[in-house]
Amino acid sequence: DLKKCVTSSPQCTVLDFQKPDFVEVLVLMSTILLVEGVPAKVEDVCKMCVELGCDIRSLLLSLQLWSCSASPIFDPPIPPSPSSTPATDATTTTISTAPDHLKLNSIPFT
């Protein structure tokens, strides 16, 4: 038994790792995307969490590759004047906090 072998040695410490639950991982990945200024749909992040089994290392790598392969950098659109503002869908919000020179084409964050 490997655990007995490891614990019998005074120089070794046994570290018990526990896989984080789905909601923790989803919140963490969404927060990372928000902080890094990479807009994304919650559904897309959710799919990635499911497909990668909530493996944080794999998710971070996938998010990095995903953000680097997005559409080219763009200039943010000029907001319309208040008199010509059309009604918007309240369920879709775009989050993009990156500096202008780092912004990628917007993907709605719902």
N, C-alpha and C. Protein backbone atom coordinates (compact mmCIF):
# COMPACT_ATOMS: atom_id res chain seq x y z
N ASP A 1 0.85 -1.19 0.00
CA ASP A 1 0.00 0.00 0.00
C ASP A 1 0.89 1.25 0.00
N LEU A 2 0.76 2.07 -1.02
CA LEU A 2 1.61 3.25 -1.19
C LEU A 2 1.40 4.26 -0.07
N LYS A 3 0.17 4.45 0.38
CA LYS A 3 -0.10 5.43 1.42
C LYS A 3 0.60 5.05 2.72
N LYS A 4 0.61 3.77 3.07
CA LYS A 4 1.31 3.32 4.28
C LYS A 4 2.80 3.58 4.14
N CYS A 5 3.34 3.31 2.96
CA CYS A 5 4.76 3.52 2.71
C CYS A 5 5.11 5.00 2.85
N VAL A 6 4.29 5.86 2.30
CA VAL A 6 4.57 7.29 2.34
C VAL A 6 4.39 7.83 3.75
N THR A 7 3.33 7.42 4.45
CA THR A 7 3.06 7.97 5.77
C THR A 7 4.01 7.45 6.83
N SER A 8 4.64 6.31 6.59
CA SER A 8 5.57 5.79 7.59
C SER A 8 6.90 6.54 7.56
N SER A 9 7.16 7.27 6.50
CA SER A 9 8.39 8.04 6.40
C SER A 9 8.19 9.40 7.08
N PRO A 10 9.08 9.79 7.99
CA PRO A 10 8.92 11.07 8.69
C PRO A 10 9.17 12.28 7.78
N GLN A 11 9.80 12.07 6.63
CA GLN A 11 10.13 13.18 5.74
C GLN A 11 9.03 13.49 4.73
N CYS A 12 8.00 12.67 4.70
CA CYS A 12 6.94 12.84 3.71
C CYS A 12 5.66 13.36 4.35
N THR A 13 4.97 14.19 3.62
CA THR A 13 3.67 14.68 4.04
C THR A 13 2.65 14.25 3.00
N VAL A 14 1.57 13.68 3.46
CA VAL A 14 0.51 13.25 2.56
C VAL A 14 -0.44 14.42 2.34
N LEU A 15 -0.63 14.77 1.10
CA LEU A 15 -1.56 15.84 0.74
C LEU A 15 -2.79 15.21 0.09
N ASP A 16 -3.93 15.42 0.70
CA ASP A 16 -5.17 14.91 0.12
C ASP A 16 -5.78 16.01 -0.74
N PHE A 17 -5.92 15.72 -2.03
CA PHE A 17 -6.51 16.67 -2.96
C PHE A 17 -7.97 16.32 -3.18
N GLN A 18 -8.78 17.34 -3.25
CA GLN A 18 -10.19 17.14 -3.52
C GLN A 18 -10.57 17.97 -4.74
N LYS A 19 -11.19 17.32 -5.69
CA LYS A 19 -11.60 17.99 -6.92
C LYS A 19 -12.67 19.03 -6.59
N PRO A 20 -12.51 20.27 -7.08
CA PRO A 20 -13.53 21.30 -6.81
C PRO A 20 -14.83 20.95 -7.53
N ASP A 21 -15.94 21.42 -6.97
CA ASP A 21 -17.21 21.12 -7.62
C ASP A 21 -17.42 21.99 -8.86
N PHE A 22 -18.40 21.60 -9.65
CA PHE A 22 -18.64 22.22 -10.95
C PHE A 22 -18.87 23.72 -10.84
N VAL A 23 -19.69 24.13 -9.89
CA VAL A 23 -20.03 25.55 -9.74
C VAL A 23 -18.78 26.36 -9.39
N GLU A 24 -17.93 25.84 -8.50
CA GLU A 24 -16.69 26.54 -8.15
C GLU A 24 -15.82 26.77 -9.38
N VAL A 25 -15.68 25.72 -10.20
CA VAL A 25 -14.84 25.81 -11.39
C VAL A 25 -15.46 26.78 -12.40
N LEU A 26 -16.76 26.71 -12.59
CA LEU A 26 -17.43 27.61 -13.53
C LEU A 26 -17.26 29.07 -13.11
N VAL A 27 -17.44 29.35 -11.83
CA VAL A 27 -17.27 30.72 -11.32
C VAL A 27 -15.82 31.17 -11.49
N LEU A 28 -14.88 30.29 -11.17
CA LEU A 28 -13.45 30.62 -11.29
C LEU A 28 -13.09 30.94 -12.74
N MET A 29 -13.50 30.09 -13.67
CA MET A 29 -13.16 30.32 -15.08
C MET A 29 -13.84 31.59 -15.62
N SER A 30 -15.08 31.82 -15.24
CA SER A 30 -15.78 33.03 -15.68
C SER A 30 -15.10 34.28 -15.12
N THR A 31 -14.66 34.20 -13.88
CA THR A 31 -13.96 35.33 -13.25
C THR A 31 -12.63 35.60 -13.94
N ILE A 32 -11.91 34.55 -14.26
CA ILE A 32 -10.63 34.71 -14.96
C ILE A 32 -10.85 35.39 -16.31
N LEU A 33 -11.85 34.94 -17.05
CA LEU A 33 -12.15 35.56 -18.34
C LEU A 33 -12.52 37.03 -18.18
N LEU A 34 -13.31 37.33 -17.16
CA LEU A 34 -13.71 38.72 -16.92
C LEU A 34 -12.51 39.59 -16.57
N VAL A 35 -11.66 39.11 -15.67
CA VAL A 35 -10.48 39.87 -15.24
C VAL A 35 -9.51 40.07 -16.40
N GLU A 36 -9.38 39.06 -17.24
CA GLU A 36 -8.46 39.16 -18.38
C GLU A 36 -9.06 39.95 -19.54
N GLY A 37 -10.34 40.31 -19.42
CA GLY A 37 -10.97 41.09 -20.48
C GLY A 37 -11.34 40.28 -21.70
N VAL A 38 -11.59 38.99 -21.51
CA VAL A 38 -11.99 38.13 -22.62
C VAL A 38 -13.47 37.83 -22.48
N PRO A 39 -14.33 38.46 -23.29
CA PRO A 39 -15.76 38.21 -23.18
C PRO A 39 -16.10 36.80 -23.65
N ALA A 40 -17.04 36.16 -22.95
CA ALA A 40 -17.44 34.80 -23.31
C ALA A 40 -18.85 34.52 -22.83
N LYS A 41 -19.50 33.60 -23.50
CA LYS A 41 -20.84 33.17 -23.07
C LYS A 41 -20.68 32.17 -21.93
N VAL A 42 -21.57 32.27 -20.96
CA VAL A 42 -21.55 31.33 -19.84
C VAL A 42 -21.75 29.91 -20.37
N GLU A 43 -22.58 29.75 -21.38
CA GLU A 43 -22.83 28.42 -21.95
C GLU A 43 -21.54 27.80 -22.49
N ASP A 44 -20.71 28.62 -23.14
CA ASP A 44 -19.45 28.11 -23.69
C ASP A 44 -18.49 27.68 -22.59
N VAL A 45 -18.41 28.48 -21.54
CA VAL A 45 -17.53 28.14 -20.41
C VAL A 45 -18.06 26.89 -19.72
N CYS A 46 -19.37 26.79 -19.61
CA CYS A 46 -20.00 25.62 -19.00
C CYS A 46 -19.68 24.35 -19.80
N LYS A 47 -19.78 24.43 -21.13
CA LYS A 47 -19.45 23.29 -21.99
C LYS A 47 -18.00 22.86 -21.80
N MET A 48 -17.11 23.85 -21.72
CA MET A 48 -15.69 23.53 -21.54
C MET A 48 -15.47 22.82 -20.21
N CYS A 49 -16.14 23.28 -19.16
CA CYS A 49 -16.00 22.65 -17.84
C CYS A 49 -16.47 21.20 -17.88
N VAL A 50 -17.59 20.97 -18.56
CA VAL A 50 -18.13 19.61 -18.66
C VAL A 50 -17.20 18.73 -19.48
N GLU A 51 -16.79 19.22 -20.66
CA GLU A 51 -15.97 18.42 -21.56
C GLU A 51 -14.59 18.11 -20.99
N LEU A 52 -14.05 19.01 -20.19
CA LEU A 52 -12.71 18.79 -19.62
C LEU A 52 -12.77 18.26 -18.20
N GLY A 53 -13.96 17.88 -17.75
CA GLY A 53 -14.10 17.25 -16.45
C GLY A 53 -13.69 18.14 -15.28
N CYS A 54 -13.87 19.43 -15.42
CA CYS A 54 -13.51 20.41 -14.38
C CYS A 54 -12.04 20.34 -13.98
N ASP A 55 -11.19 19.89 -14.90
CA ASP A 55 -9.74 19.87 -14.66
C ASP A 55 -9.22 21.30 -14.87
N ILE A 56 -8.84 21.95 -13.78
CA ILE A 56 -8.47 23.36 -13.83
C ILE A 56 -7.27 23.60 -14.74
N ARG A 57 -6.29 22.72 -14.71
CA ARG A 57 -5.11 22.92 -15.58
C ARG A 57 -5.50 22.88 -17.05
N SER A 58 -6.31 21.90 -17.42
CA SER A 58 -6.76 21.80 -18.81
C SER A 58 -7.63 22.98 -19.20
N LEU A 59 -8.48 23.41 -18.28
CA LEU A 59 -9.35 24.56 -18.56
C LEU A 59 -8.55 25.83 -18.77
N LEU A 60 -7.57 26.08 -17.91
CA LEU A 60 -6.74 27.28 -18.06
C LEU A 60 -6.01 27.28 -19.40
N LEU A 61 -5.47 26.14 -19.78
CA LEU A 61 -4.78 26.04 -21.07
C LEU A 61 -5.76 26.28 -22.22
N SER A 62 -6.92 25.65 -22.13
CA SER A 62 -7.93 25.82 -23.19
C SER A 62 -8.41 27.26 -23.28
N LEU A 63 -8.62 27.91 -22.13
CA LEU A 63 -9.04 29.31 -22.14
C LEU A 63 -7.96 30.20 -22.73
N GLN A 64 -6.71 29.89 -22.43
CA GLN A 64 -5.61 30.68 -22.99
C GLN A 64 -5.57 30.53 -24.51
N LEU A 65 -5.66 29.29 -24.99
CA LEU A 65 -5.63 29.06 -26.43
C LEU A 65 -6.85 29.69 -27.10
N TRP A 66 -8.01 29.58 -26.46
CA TRP A 66 -9.24 30.13 -26.99
C TRP A 66 -9.14 31.65 -27.11
N SER A 67 -8.64 32.30 -26.07
CA SER A 67 -8.56 33.77 -26.11
C SER A 67 -7.52 34.25 -27.11
N CYS A 68 -6.46 33.48 -27.31
CA CYS A 68 -5.42 33.88 -28.27
C CYS A 68 -5.85 33.64 -29.71
N SER A 69 -6.77 32.73 -29.93
CA SER A 69 -7.19 32.41 -31.29
C SER A 69 -8.46 33.15 -31.70
N ALA A 70 -8.93 34.05 -30.86
CA ALA A 70 -10.15 34.81 -31.17
C ALA A 70 -9.89 35.75 -32.33
N SER A 71 -10.94 36.40 -32.77
CA SER A 71 -10.84 37.34 -33.89
C SER A 71 -9.85 38.46 -33.59
N PRO A 72 -9.39 39.13 -34.62
CA PRO A 72 -8.40 40.18 -34.41
C PRO A 72 -8.91 41.33 -33.54
N ILE A 73 -7.99 42.10 -33.05
CA ILE A 73 -8.29 43.24 -32.19
C ILE A 73 -9.14 44.24 -32.95
N PHE A 74 -10.06 44.88 -32.27
CA PHE A 74 -10.95 45.83 -32.92
C PHE A 74 -11.05 47.11 -32.11
N ASP A 75 -11.53 48.15 -32.76
CA ASP A 75 -11.84 49.39 -32.05
C ASP A 75 -13.26 49.28 -31.53
N PRO A 76 -13.49 49.63 -30.27
CA PRO A 76 -14.85 49.51 -29.73
C PRO A 76 -15.82 50.41 -30.49
N PRO A 77 -17.06 49.97 -30.67
CA PRO A 77 -18.03 50.77 -31.41
C PRO A 77 -18.38 52.05 -30.66
N ILE A 78 -18.77 53.07 -31.40
CA ILE A 78 -19.20 54.32 -30.80
C ILE A 78 -20.64 54.14 -30.35
N PRO A 79 -20.94 54.43 -29.07
CA PRO A 79 -22.31 54.23 -28.61
C PRO A 79 -23.28 55.17 -29.32
N PRO A 80 -24.51 54.69 -29.58
CA PRO A 80 -25.49 55.54 -30.27
C PRO A 80 -25.96 56.67 -29.35
N SER A 81 -26.48 57.71 -29.95
CA SER A 81 -27.01 58.81 -29.15
C SER A 81 -28.25 58.33 -28.42
N PRO A 82 -28.56 58.91 -27.25
CA PRO A 82 -29.71 58.44 -26.46
C PRO A 82 -31.03 58.48 -27.22
N SER A 83 -31.21 59.41 -28.13
CA SER A 83 -32.48 59.51 -28.86
C SER A 83 -32.67 58.38 -29.86
N SER A 84 -31.56 57.78 -30.32
CA SER A 84 -31.68 56.71 -31.31
C SER A 84 -31.37 55.34 -30.73
N THR A 85 -31.38 55.21 -29.40
CA THR A 85 -31.07 53.94 -28.76
C THR A 85 -32.23 52.97 -28.93
N PRO A 86 -32.00 51.84 -29.61
CA PRO A 86 -33.07 50.85 -29.77
C PRO A 86 -33.25 50.04 -28.48
N ALA A 87 -34.39 49.39 -28.37
CA ALA A 87 -34.62 48.51 -27.23
C ALA A 87 -33.64 47.36 -27.31
N THR A 88 -33.07 46.96 -26.18
CA THR A 88 -32.10 45.87 -26.17
C THR A 88 -32.64 44.69 -25.40
N ASP A 89 -32.08 43.54 -25.66
CA ASP A 89 -32.43 42.32 -24.96
C ASP A 89 -31.76 42.35 -23.59
N ALA A 90 -32.53 42.32 -22.53
CA ALA A 90 -31.98 42.45 -21.17
C ALA A 90 -31.24 41.20 -20.73
N THR A 91 -31.37 40.09 -21.47
CA THR A 91 -30.70 38.86 -21.04
C THR A 91 -29.28 38.76 -21.55
N THR A 92 -28.88 39.62 -22.46
CA THR A 92 -27.53 39.56 -23.02
C THR A 92 -26.75 40.80 -22.62
N THR A 93 -25.61 40.56 -22.00
CA THR A 93 -24.74 41.66 -21.59
C THR A 93 -23.35 41.34 -22.09
N THR A 94 -22.68 42.30 -22.65
CA THR A 94 -21.31 42.09 -23.09
C THR A 94 -20.38 42.66 -22.03
N ILE A 95 -19.43 41.84 -21.60
CA ILE A 95 -18.47 42.27 -20.59
C ILE A 95 -17.11 42.33 -21.25
N SER A 96 -16.49 43.46 -21.21
CA SER A 96 -15.16 43.63 -21.77
C SER A 96 -14.46 44.75 -21.01
N THR A 97 -13.49 44.38 -20.17
CA THR A 97 -12.82 45.36 -19.34
C THR A 97 -11.36 45.55 -19.73
N ALA A 98 -10.93 44.94 -20.81
CA ALA A 98 -9.53 45.04 -21.21
C ALA A 98 -9.24 46.43 -21.76
N PRO A 99 -7.98 46.86 -21.68
CA PRO A 99 -7.61 48.12 -22.32
C PRO A 99 -7.94 48.06 -23.81
N ASP A 100 -8.20 49.21 -24.42
CA ASP A 100 -8.62 49.25 -25.82
C ASP A 100 -7.69 48.49 -26.75
N HIS A 101 -6.39 48.55 -26.53
CA HIS A 101 -5.47 47.89 -27.45
C HIS A 101 -5.45 46.37 -27.28
N LEU A 102 -6.12 45.84 -26.23
CA LEU A 102 -6.16 44.40 -26.02
C LEU A 102 -7.52 43.79 -26.29
N LYS A 103 -8.52 44.59 -26.60
CA LYS A 103 -9.88 44.07 -26.75
C LYS A 103 -10.00 43.19 -27.99
N LEU A 104 -10.75 42.10 -27.83
CA LEU A 104 -11.03 41.18 -28.92
C LEU A 104 -12.47 41.39 -29.35
N ASN A 105 -12.83 40.84 -30.51
CA ASN A 105 -14.22 40.96 -30.94
C ASN A 105 -15.12 40.43 -29.84
N SER A 106 -16.17 41.13 -29.61
CA SER A 106 -17.06 40.87 -28.48
C SER A 106 -17.87 39.59 -28.68
N ILE A 107 -17.88 38.77 -27.64
CA ILE A 107 -18.74 37.60 -27.58
C ILE A 107 -19.69 37.87 -26.42
N PRO A 108 -21.01 37.83 -26.61
CA PRO A 108 -21.92 38.17 -25.52
C PRO A 108 -21.75 37.26 -24.32
N PHE A 109 -21.78 37.83 -23.15
CA PHE A 109 -21.71 37.09 -21.88
C PHE A 109 -23.11 37.09 -21.31
N THR A 110 -23.78 35.93 -21.37
CA THR A 110 -25.17 35.89 -20.93
C THR A 110 -25.32 35.15 -19.64
